[in-house]
PDB file of N, CA and C in Angstrom:
ATOM      1  N   UNK A   1     -95.880 -25.762 -13.379  1.00  0.00           N
ATOM      2  CA  UNK A   1     -94.542 -25.989 -13.866  1.00  0.00           C
ATOM      3  C   UNK A   1     -94.199 -27.478 -13.813  1.00  0.00           C
ATOM      4  N   UNK A   2     -94.606 -28.140 -12.760  1.00  0.00           N
ATOM      5  CA  UNK A   2     -94.307 -29.563 -12.646  1.00  0.00           C
ATOM      6  C   UNK A   2     -95.023 -30.356 -13.741  1.00  0.00           C
ATOM      7  N   UNK A   3     -96.230 -29.933 -14.082  1.00  0.00           N
ATOM      8  CA  UNK A   3     -96.970 -30.612 -15.147  1.00  0.00           C
ATOM      9  C   UNK A   3     -96.253 -30.451 -16.487  1.00  0.00           C
ATOM     10  N   UNK A   4     -95.709 -29.262 -16.744  1.00  0.00           N
ATOM     11  CA  UNK A   4     -94.953 -29.060 -17.982  1.00  0.00           C
ATOM     12  C   UNK A   4     -93.701 -29.931 -18.013  1.00  0.00           C
ATOM     13  N   UNK A   5     -93.016 -30.044 -16.864  1.00  0.00           N
ATOM     14  CA  UNK A   5     -91.857 -30.929 -16.796  1.00  0.00           C
ATOM     15  C   UNK A   5     -92.251 -32.361 -17.129  1.00  0.00           C
ATOM     16  N   UNK A   6     -93.360 -32.819 -16.579  1.00  0.00           N
ATOM     17  CA  UNK A   6     -93.800 -34.198 -16.820  1.00  0.00           C
ATOM     18  C   UNK A   6     -94.170 -34.418 -18.281  1.00  0.00           C
ATOM     19  N   UNK A   7     -94.920 -33.491 -18.858  1.00  0.00           N
ATOM     20  CA  UNK A   7     -95.366 -33.632 -20.252  1.00  0.00           C
ATOM     21  C   UNK A   7     -94.167 -33.677 -21.191  1.00  0.00           C
ATOM     22  N   UNK A   8     -93.244 -32.741 -21.031  1.00  0.00           N
ATOM     23  CA  UNK A   8     -92.125 -32.683 -21.956  1.00  0.00           C
ATOM     24  C   UNK A   8     -91.084 -33.762 -21.680  1.00  0.00           C
ATOM     25  N   UNK A   9     -91.038 -34.310 -20.473  1.00  0.00           N
ATOM     26  CA  UNK A   9     -90.179 -35.456 -20.216  1.00  0.00           C
ATOM     27  C   UNK A   9     -90.716 -36.685 -20.941  1.00  0.00           C
ATOM     28  N   UNK A  10     -92.020 -36.882 -20.899  1.00  0.00           N
ATOM     29  CA  UNK A  10     -92.622 -37.996 -21.643  1.00  0.00           C
ATOM     30  C   UNK A  10     -92.417 -37.804 -23.142  1.00  0.00           C
ATOM     31  N   UNK A  11     -92.584 -36.575 -23.633  1.00  0.00           N
ATOM     32  CA  UNK A  11     -92.341 -36.306 -25.051  1.00  0.00           C
ATOM     33  C   UNK A  11     -90.876 -36.513 -25.425  1.00  0.00           C
ATOM     34  N   UNK A  12     -89.957 -36.236 -24.512  1.00  0.00           N
ATOM     35  CA  UNK A  12     -88.538 -36.474 -24.761  1.00  0.00           C
ATOM     36  C   UNK A  12     -88.261 -37.963 -24.914  1.00  0.00           C
ATOM     37  N   UNK A  13     -88.870 -38.767 -24.070  1.00  0.00           N
ATOM     38  CA  UNK A  13     -88.694 -40.218 -24.159  1.00  0.00           C
ATOM     39  C   UNK A  13     -89.314 -40.751 -25.442  1.00  0.00           C
ATOM     40  N   UNK A  14     -90.514 -40.301 -25.761  1.00  0.00           N
ATOM     41  CA  UNK A  14     -91.167 -40.727 -27.002  1.00  0.00           C
ATOM     42  C   UNK A  14     -90.368 -40.264 -28.207  1.00  0.00           C
ATOM     43  N   UNK A  15     -89.870 -39.042 -28.181  1.00  0.00           N
ATOM     44  CA  UNK A  15     -89.070 -38.520 -29.277  1.00  0.00           C
ATOM     45  C   UNK A  15     -87.766 -39.273 -29.449  1.00  0.00           C
ATOM     46  N   UNK A  16     -87.221 -39.791 -28.363  1.00  0.00           N
ATOM     47  CA  UNK A  16     -86.006 -40.595 -28.456  1.00  0.00           C
ATOM     48  C   UNK A  16     -86.225 -41.922 -29.153  1.00  0.00           C
ATOM     49  N   UNK A  17     -87.446 -42.409 -29.112  1.00  0.00           N
ATOM     50  CA  UNK A  17     -87.759 -43.678 -29.763  1.00  0.00           C
ATOM     51  C   UNK A  17     -88.121 -43.510 -31.238  1.00  0.00           C
ATOM     52  N   UNK A  18     -88.400 -42.282 -31.654  1.00  0.00           N
ATOM     53  CA  UNK A  18     -88.749 -42.018 -33.044  1.00  0.00           C
ATOM     54  C   UNK A  18     -87.497 -41.711 -33.855  1.00  0.00           C
ATOM     55  N   UNK A  19     -87.628 -41.763 -35.175  1.00  0.00           N
ATOM     56  CA  UNK A  19     -86.480 -41.478 -36.035  1.00  0.00           C
ATOM     57  C   UNK A  19     -86.270 -39.987 -36.267  1.00  0.00           C
ATOM     58  N   UNK A  20     -87.327 -39.190 -36.131  1.00  0.00           N
ATOM     59  CA  UNK A  20     -87.213 -37.755 -36.358  1.00  0.00           C
ATOM     60  C   UNK A  20     -86.661 -37.062 -35.113  1.00  0.00           C
ATOM     61  N   UNK A  21     -85.884 -36.010 -35.339  1.00  0.00           N
ATOM     62  CA  UNK A  21     -85.264 -35.274 -34.242  1.00  0.00           C
ATOM     63  C   UNK A  21     -86.153 -34.192 -33.648  1.00  0.00           C
ATOM     64  N   UNK A  22     -87.195 -33.776 -34.348  1.00  0.00           N
ATOM     65  CA  UNK A  22     -87.945 -32.577 -33.958  1.00  0.00           C
ATOM     66  C   UNK A  22     -88.528 -32.692 -32.549  1.00  0.00           C
ATOM     67  N   UNK A  23     -89.164 -33.788 -32.219  1.00  0.00           N
ATOM     68  CA  UNK A  23     -89.780 -33.938 -30.900  1.00  0.00           C
ATOM     69  C   UNK A  23     -88.725 -33.921 -29.802  1.00  0.00           C
ATOM     70  N   UNK A  24     -87.608 -34.589 -30.043  1.00  0.00           N
ATOM     71  CA  UNK A  24     -86.538 -34.639 -29.052  1.00  0.00           C
ATOM     72  C   UNK A  24     -85.917 -33.268 -28.831  1.00  0.00           C
ATOM     73  N   UNK A  25     -85.644 -32.550 -29.913  1.00  0.00           N
ATOM     74  CA  UNK A  25     -85.009 -31.232 -29.804  1.00  0.00           C
ATOM     75  C   UNK A  25     -85.940 -30.232 -29.128  1.00  0.00           C
ATOM     76  N   UNK A  26     -87.195 -30.216 -29.504  1.00  0.00           N
ATOM     77  CA  UNK A  26     -88.149 -29.270 -28.906  1.00  0.00           C
ATOM     78  C   UNK A  26     -88.371 -29.591 -27.430  1.00  0.00           C
ATOM     79  N   UNK A  27     -88.511 -30.872 -27.092  1.00  0.00           N
ATOM     80  CA  UNK A  27     -88.700 -31.250 -25.691  1.00  0.00           C
ATOM     81  C   UNK A  27     -87.467 -30.913 -24.862  1.00  0.00           C
ATOM     82  N   UNK A  28     -86.289 -31.166 -25.398  1.00  0.00           N
ATOM     83  CA  UNK A  28     -85.057 -30.814 -24.699  1.00  0.00           C
ATOM     84  C   UNK A  28     -84.942 -29.315 -24.479  1.00  0.00           C
ATOM     85  N   UNK A  29     -85.335 -28.532 -25.490  1.00  0.00           N
ATOM     86  CA  UNK A  29     -85.284 -27.077 -25.372  1.00  0.00           C
ATOM     87  C   UNK A  29     -86.240 -26.576 -24.293  1.00  0.00           C
ATOM     88  N   UNK A  30     -87.446 -27.123 -24.256  1.00  0.00           N
ATOM     89  CA  UNK A  30     -88.428 -26.686 -23.252  1.00  0.00           C
ATOM     90  C   UNK A  30     -87.967 -27.080 -21.849  1.00  0.00           C
ATOM     91  N   UNK A  31     -87.433 -28.284 -21.693  1.00  0.00           N
ATOM     92  CA  UNK A  31     -86.936 -28.709 -20.377  1.00  0.00           C
ATOM     93  C   UNK A  31     -85.774 -27.821 -19.944  1.00  0.00           C
ATOM     94  N   UNK A  32     -84.886 -27.491 -20.867  1.00  0.00           N
ATOM     95  CA  UNK A  32     -83.768 -26.602 -20.554  1.00  0.00           C
ATOM     96  C   UNK A  32     -84.269 -25.226 -20.123  1.00  0.00           C
ATOM     97  N   UNK A  33     -85.201 -24.663 -20.878  1.00  0.00           N
ATOM     98  CA  UNK A  33     -85.720 -23.326 -20.563  1.00  0.00           C
ATOM     99  C   UNK A  33     -86.480 -23.328 -19.237  1.00  0.00           C
ATOM    100  N   UNK A  34     -87.288 -24.356 -18.996  1.00  0.00           N
ATOM    101  CA  UNK A  34     -88.011 -24.438 -17.726  1.00  0.00           C
ATOM    102  C   UNK A  34     -87.052 -24.548 -16.546  1.00  0.00           C
ATOM    103  N   UNK A  35     -86.001 -25.333 -16.697  1.00  0.00           N
ATOM    104  CA  UNK A  35     -85.039 -25.503 -15.609  1.00  0.00           C
ATOM    105  C   UNK A  35     -84.298 -24.207 -15.320  1.00  0.00           C
ATOM    106  N   UNK A  36     -83.876 -23.512 -16.366  1.00  0.00           N
ATOM    107  CA  UNK A  36     -83.190 -22.238 -16.175  1.00  0.00           C
ATOM    108  C   UNK A  36     -84.143 -21.215 -15.546  1.00  0.00           C
ATOM    109  N   UNK A  37     -85.400 -21.220 -15.974  1.00  0.00           N
ATOM    110  CA  UNK A  37     -86.389 -20.304 -15.392  1.00  0.00           C
ATOM    111  C   UNK A  37     -86.608 -20.606 -13.914  1.00  0.00           C
ATOM    112  N   UNK A  38     -86.651 -21.886 -13.562  1.00  0.00           N
ATOM    113  CA  UNK A  38     -86.848 -22.245 -12.156  1.00  0.00           C
ATOM    114  C   UNK A  38     -85.641 -21.864 -11.310  1.00  0.00           C
ATOM    115  N   UNK A  39     -84.441 -21.900 -11.892  1.00  0.00           N
ATOM    116  CA  UNK A  39     -83.256 -21.496 -11.142  1.00  0.00           C
ATOM    117  C   UNK A  39     -83.319 -20.005 -10.820  1.00  0.00           C
ATOM    118  N   UNK A  40     -83.730 -19.187 -11.798  1.00  0.00           N
ATOM    119  CA  UNK A  40     -83.687 -17.742 -11.620  1.00  0.00           C
ATOM    120  C   UNK A  40     -84.967 -17.131 -11.067  1.00  0.00           C
ATOM    121  N   UNK A  41     -85.996 -17.920 -10.854  1.00  0.00           N
ATOM    122  CA  UNK A  41     -87.220 -17.391 -10.238  1.00  0.00           C
ATOM    123  C   UNK A  41     -87.018 -17.292  -8.732  1.00  0.00           C
ATOM    124  N   UNK A  42     -87.397 -16.194  -8.185  1.00  0.00           N
ATOM    125  CA  UNK A  42     -87.309 -16.024  -6.736  1.00  0.00           C
ATOM    126  C   UNK A  42     -85.873 -15.907  -6.265  1.00  0.00           C
ATOM    127  N   UNK A  43     -85.614 -16.445  -5.088  1.00  0.00           N
ATOM    128  CA  UNK A  43     -84.279 -16.385  -4.517  1.00  0.00           C
ATOM    129  C   UNK A  43     -83.397 -17.453  -5.146  1.00  0.00           C
ATOM    130  N   UNK A  44     -82.205 -17.073  -5.483  1.00  0.00           N
ATOM    131  CA  UNK A  44     -81.250 -18.020  -6.051  1.00  0.00           C
ATOM    132  C   UNK A  44     -80.339 -18.484  -4.925  1.00  0.00           C
ATOM    133  N   UNK A  45     -80.473 -19.745  -4.567  1.00  0.00           N
ATOM    134  CA  UNK A  45     -79.573 -20.312  -3.581  1.00  0.00           C
ATOM    135  C   UNK A  45     -78.977 -21.603  -4.156  1.00  0.00           C
ATOM    136  N   UNK A  46     -77.961 -22.102  -3.523  1.00  0.00           N
ATOM    137  CA  UNK A  46     -77.223 -23.252  -4.040  1.00  0.00           C
ATOM    138  C   UNK A  46     -78.105 -24.488  -4.153  1.00  0.00           C
ATOM    139  N   UNK A  47     -79.003 -24.677  -3.211  1.00  0.00           N
ATOM    140  CA  UNK A  47     -79.871 -25.855  -3.224  1.00  0.00           C
ATOM    141  C   UNK A  47     -80.787 -25.861  -4.447  1.00  0.00           C
ATOM    142  N   UNK A  48     -81.347 -24.699  -4.790  1.00  0.00           N
ATOM    143  CA  UNK A  48     -82.225 -24.605  -5.959  1.00  0.00           C
ATOM    144  C   UNK A  48     -81.437 -24.798  -7.245  1.00  0.00           C
ATOM    145  N   UNK A  49     -80.241 -24.250  -7.304  1.00  0.00           N
ATOM    146  CA  UNK A  49     -79.407 -24.403  -8.494  1.00  0.00           C
ATOM    147  C   UNK A  49     -79.057 -25.864  -8.706  1.00  0.00           C
ATOM    148  N   UNK A  50     -78.677 -26.555  -7.651  1.00  0.00           N
ATOM    149  CA  UNK A  50     -78.306 -27.964  -7.780  1.00  0.00           C
ATOM    150  C   UNK A  50     -79.503 -28.843  -8.116  1.00  0.00           C
ATOM    151  N   UNK A  51     -80.693 -28.462  -7.654  1.00  0.00           N
ATOM    152  CA  UNK A  51     -81.895 -29.240  -7.944  1.00  0.00           C
ATOM    153  C   UNK A  51     -82.252 -29.206  -9.427  1.00  0.00           C
ATOM    154  N   UNK A  52     -82.105 -28.049 -10.060  1.00  0.00           N
ATOM    155  CA  UNK A  52     -82.505 -27.902 -11.455  1.00  0.00           C
ATOM    156  C   UNK A  52     -81.342 -27.953 -12.441  1.00  0.00           C
ATOM    157  N   UNK A  53     -80.123 -28.139 -11.954  1.00  0.00           N
ATOM    158  CA  UNK A  53     -78.980 -28.199 -12.857  1.00  0.00           C
ATOM    159  C   UNK A  53     -78.987 -29.475 -13.690  1.00  0.00           C
ATOM    160  N   UNK A  54     -79.329 -30.599 -13.100  1.00  0.00           N
ATOM    161  CA  UNK A  54     -79.346 -31.865 -13.842  1.00  0.00           C
ATOM    162  C   UNK A  54     -80.391 -31.866 -14.955  1.00  0.00           C
ATOM    163  N   UNK A  55     -81.661 -31.484 -14.705  1.00  0.00           N
ATOM    164  CA  UNK A  55     -82.603 -31.412 -15.824  1.00  0.00           C
ATOM    165  C   UNK A  55     -82.190 -30.397 -16.886  1.00  0.00           C
ATOM    166  N   UNK A  56     -81.565 -29.294 -16.472  1.00  0.00           N
ATOM    167  CA  UNK A  56     -81.113 -28.300 -17.446  1.00  0.00           C
ATOM    168  C   UNK A  56     -80.018 -28.870 -18.330  1.00  0.00           C
ATOM    169  N   UNK A  57     -79.097 -29.603 -17.745  1.00  0.00           N
ATOM    170  CA  UNK A  57     -78.011 -30.168 -18.549  1.00  0.00           C
ATOM    171  C   UNK A  57     -78.518 -31.282 -19.466  1.00  0.00           C
ATOM    172  N   UNK A  58     -79.469 -32.083 -19.005  1.00  0.00           N
ATOM    173  CA  UNK A  58     -80.045 -33.127 -19.852  1.00  0.00           C
ATOM    174  C   UNK A  58     -80.840 -32.492 -20.988  1.00  0.00           C
ATOM    175  N   UNK A  59     -81.625 -31.478 -20.678  1.00  0.00           N
ATOM    176  CA  UNK A  59     -82.374 -30.773 -21.716  1.00  0.00           C
ATOM    177  C   UNK A  59     -81.461 -30.132 -22.743  1.00  0.00           C
ATOM    178  N   UNK A  60     -80.351 -29.528 -22.276  1.00  0.00           N
ATOM    179  CA  UNK A  60     -79.403 -28.909 -23.210  1.00  0.00           C
ATOM    180  C   UNK A  60     -78.753 -29.950 -24.098  1.00  0.00           C
ATOM    181  N   UNK A  61     -78.423 -31.112 -23.539  1.00  0.00           N
ATOM    182  CA  UNK A  61     -77.808 -32.166 -24.341  1.00  0.00           C
ATOM    183  C   UNK A  61     -78.747 -32.620 -25.458  1.00  0.00           C
ATOM    184  N   UNK A  62     -79.996 -32.897 -25.122  1.00  0.00           N
ATOM    185  CA  UNK A  62     -80.931 -33.372 -26.138  1.00  0.00           C
ATOM    186  C   UNK A  62     -81.341 -32.260 -27.092  1.00  0.00           C
ATOM    187  N   UNK A  63     -81.300 -31.003 -26.654  1.00  0.00           N
ATOM    188  CA  UNK A  63     -81.558 -29.905 -27.556  1.00  0.00           C
ATOM    189  C   UNK A  63     -80.431 -29.806 -28.586  1.00  0.00           C
ATOM    190  N   UNK A  64     -79.206 -30.017 -28.161  1.00  0.00           N
ATOM    191  CA  UNK A  64     -78.060 -29.885 -29.053  1.00  0.00           C
ATOM    192  C   UNK A  64     -77.847 -31.118 -29.923  1.00  0.00           C
ATOM    193  N   UNK A  65     -78.013 -32.308 -29.371  1.00  0.00           N
ATOM    194  CA  UNK A  65     -77.669 -33.533 -30.090  1.00  0.00           C
ATOM    195  C   UNK A  65     -78.855 -34.182 -30.783  1.00  0.00           C
ATOM    196  N   UNK A  66     -80.055 -33.954 -30.300  1.00  0.00           N
ATOM    197  CA  UNK A  66     -81.211 -34.625 -30.889  1.00  0.00           C
ATOM    198  C   UNK A  66     -81.189 -36.112 -30.571  1.00  0.00           C
ATOM    199  N   UNK A  67     -81.435 -36.942 -31.565  1.00  0.00           N
ATOM    200  CA  UNK A  67     -81.467 -38.385 -31.356  1.00  0.00           C
ATOM    201  C   UNK A  67     -80.111 -39.049 -31.547  1.00  0.00           C
ATOM    202  N   UNK A  68     -79.111 -38.286 -31.936  1.00  0.00           N
ATOM    203  CA  UNK A  68     -77.776 -38.855 -32.090  1.00  0.00           C
ATOM    204  C   UNK A  68     -77.219 -39.166 -30.710  1.00  0.00           C
ATOM    205  N   UNK A  69     -76.850 -40.373 -30.449  1.00  0.00           N
ATOM    206  CA  UNK A  69     -76.383 -40.740 -29.133  1.00  0.00           C
ATOM    207  C   UNK A  69     -74.977 -40.534 -28.964  1.00  0.00           C
TER     208      UNK A  69
END
Protein backbone atom coordinates (compact mmCIF):
# COMPACT_ATOMS: atom_id res chain seq x y z
CA UNK A 1 0.00 0.00 0.00
CA UNK A 2 2.81 2.40 0.80
CA UNK A 3 4.39 1.72 -2.59
CA UNK A 4 1.10 2.59 -4.32
CA UNK A 5 0.92 5.83 -2.33
CA UNK A 6 4.45 6.72 -3.42
CA UNK A 7 3.89 5.86 -7.10
CA UNK A 8 0.65 7.80 -7.41
CA UNK A 9 2.00 10.75 -5.42
CA UNK A 10 4.86 11.05 -7.91
CA UNK A 11 2.36 10.71 -10.77
CA UNK A 12 0.23 13.44 -9.16
CA UNK A 13 3.21 15.80 -9.10
CA UNK A 14 4.17 14.94 -12.67
CA UNK A 15 0.55 15.31 -13.78
CA UNK A 16 0.41 18.73 -12.16
CA UNK A 17 3.27 19.87 -14.36
CA UNK A 18 1.62 18.64 -17.56
CA UNK A 19 -1.15 20.41 -19.46
CA UNK A 20 -3.47 17.39 -19.59
CA UNK A 21 -5.75 16.66 -16.64
CA UNK A 22 -5.93 12.87 -17.02
CA UNK A 23 -2.83 11.95 -15.00
CA UNK A 24 -3.72 14.37 -12.21
CA UNK A 25 -7.35 13.23 -11.97
CA UNK A 26 -6.52 9.52 -12.03
CA UNK A 27 -3.71 9.90 -9.48
CA UNK A 28 -5.94 11.97 -7.21
CA UNK A 29 -8.70 9.36 -7.48
CA UNK A 30 -6.35 6.50 -6.59
CA UNK A 31 -4.88 8.41 -3.63
CA UNK A 32 -8.40 9.21 -2.42
CA UNK A 33 -9.54 5.59 -2.74
CA UNK A 34 -6.40 4.22 -1.06
CA UNK A 35 -6.78 6.65 1.84
CA UNK A 36 -10.44 5.80 2.35
CA UNK A 37 -9.60 2.08 2.16
CA UNK A 38 -6.87 2.50 4.77
CA UNK A 39 -9.29 4.32 7.08
CA UNK A 40 -11.86 1.52 6.92
CA UNK A 41 -9.48 -1.46 6.98
CA UNK A 42 -9.26 -3.11 10.35
CA UNK A 43 -10.14 -1.14 13.45
CA UNK A 44 -11.34 2.39 12.92
CA UNK A 45 -9.93 4.69 15.54
CA UNK A 46 -9.42 8.45 15.61
CA UNK A 47 -5.66 8.23 15.12
CA UNK A 48 -6.00 6.23 11.89
CA UNK A 49 -8.71 8.53 10.57
CA UNK A 50 -6.61 11.62 11.22
CA UNK A 51 -3.53 10.02 9.63
CA UNK A 52 -5.27 9.31 6.32
CA UNK A 53 -7.69 12.25 6.24
CA UNK A 54 -5.16 14.70 4.77
CA UNK A 55 -4.12 12.47 1.83
CA UNK A 56 -7.80 11.67 1.22
CA UNK A 57 -8.74 15.33 1.09
CA UNK A 58 -5.79 16.19 -1.19
CA UNK A 59 -6.65 13.27 -3.48
CA UNK A 60 -10.31 14.35 -3.58
CA UNK A 61 -9.33 17.92 -4.44
CA UNK A 62 -7.13 16.89 -7.36
CA UNK A 63 -9.69 14.33 -8.50
CA UNK A 64 -12.35 17.04 -8.63
CA UNK A 65 -10.32 20.02 -9.88
CA UNK A 66 -7.62 18.43 -12.01
CA UNK A 67 -4.92 20.93 -12.97
CA UNK A 68 -7.10 23.98 -12.39
CA UNK A 69 -5.64 25.71 -9.37
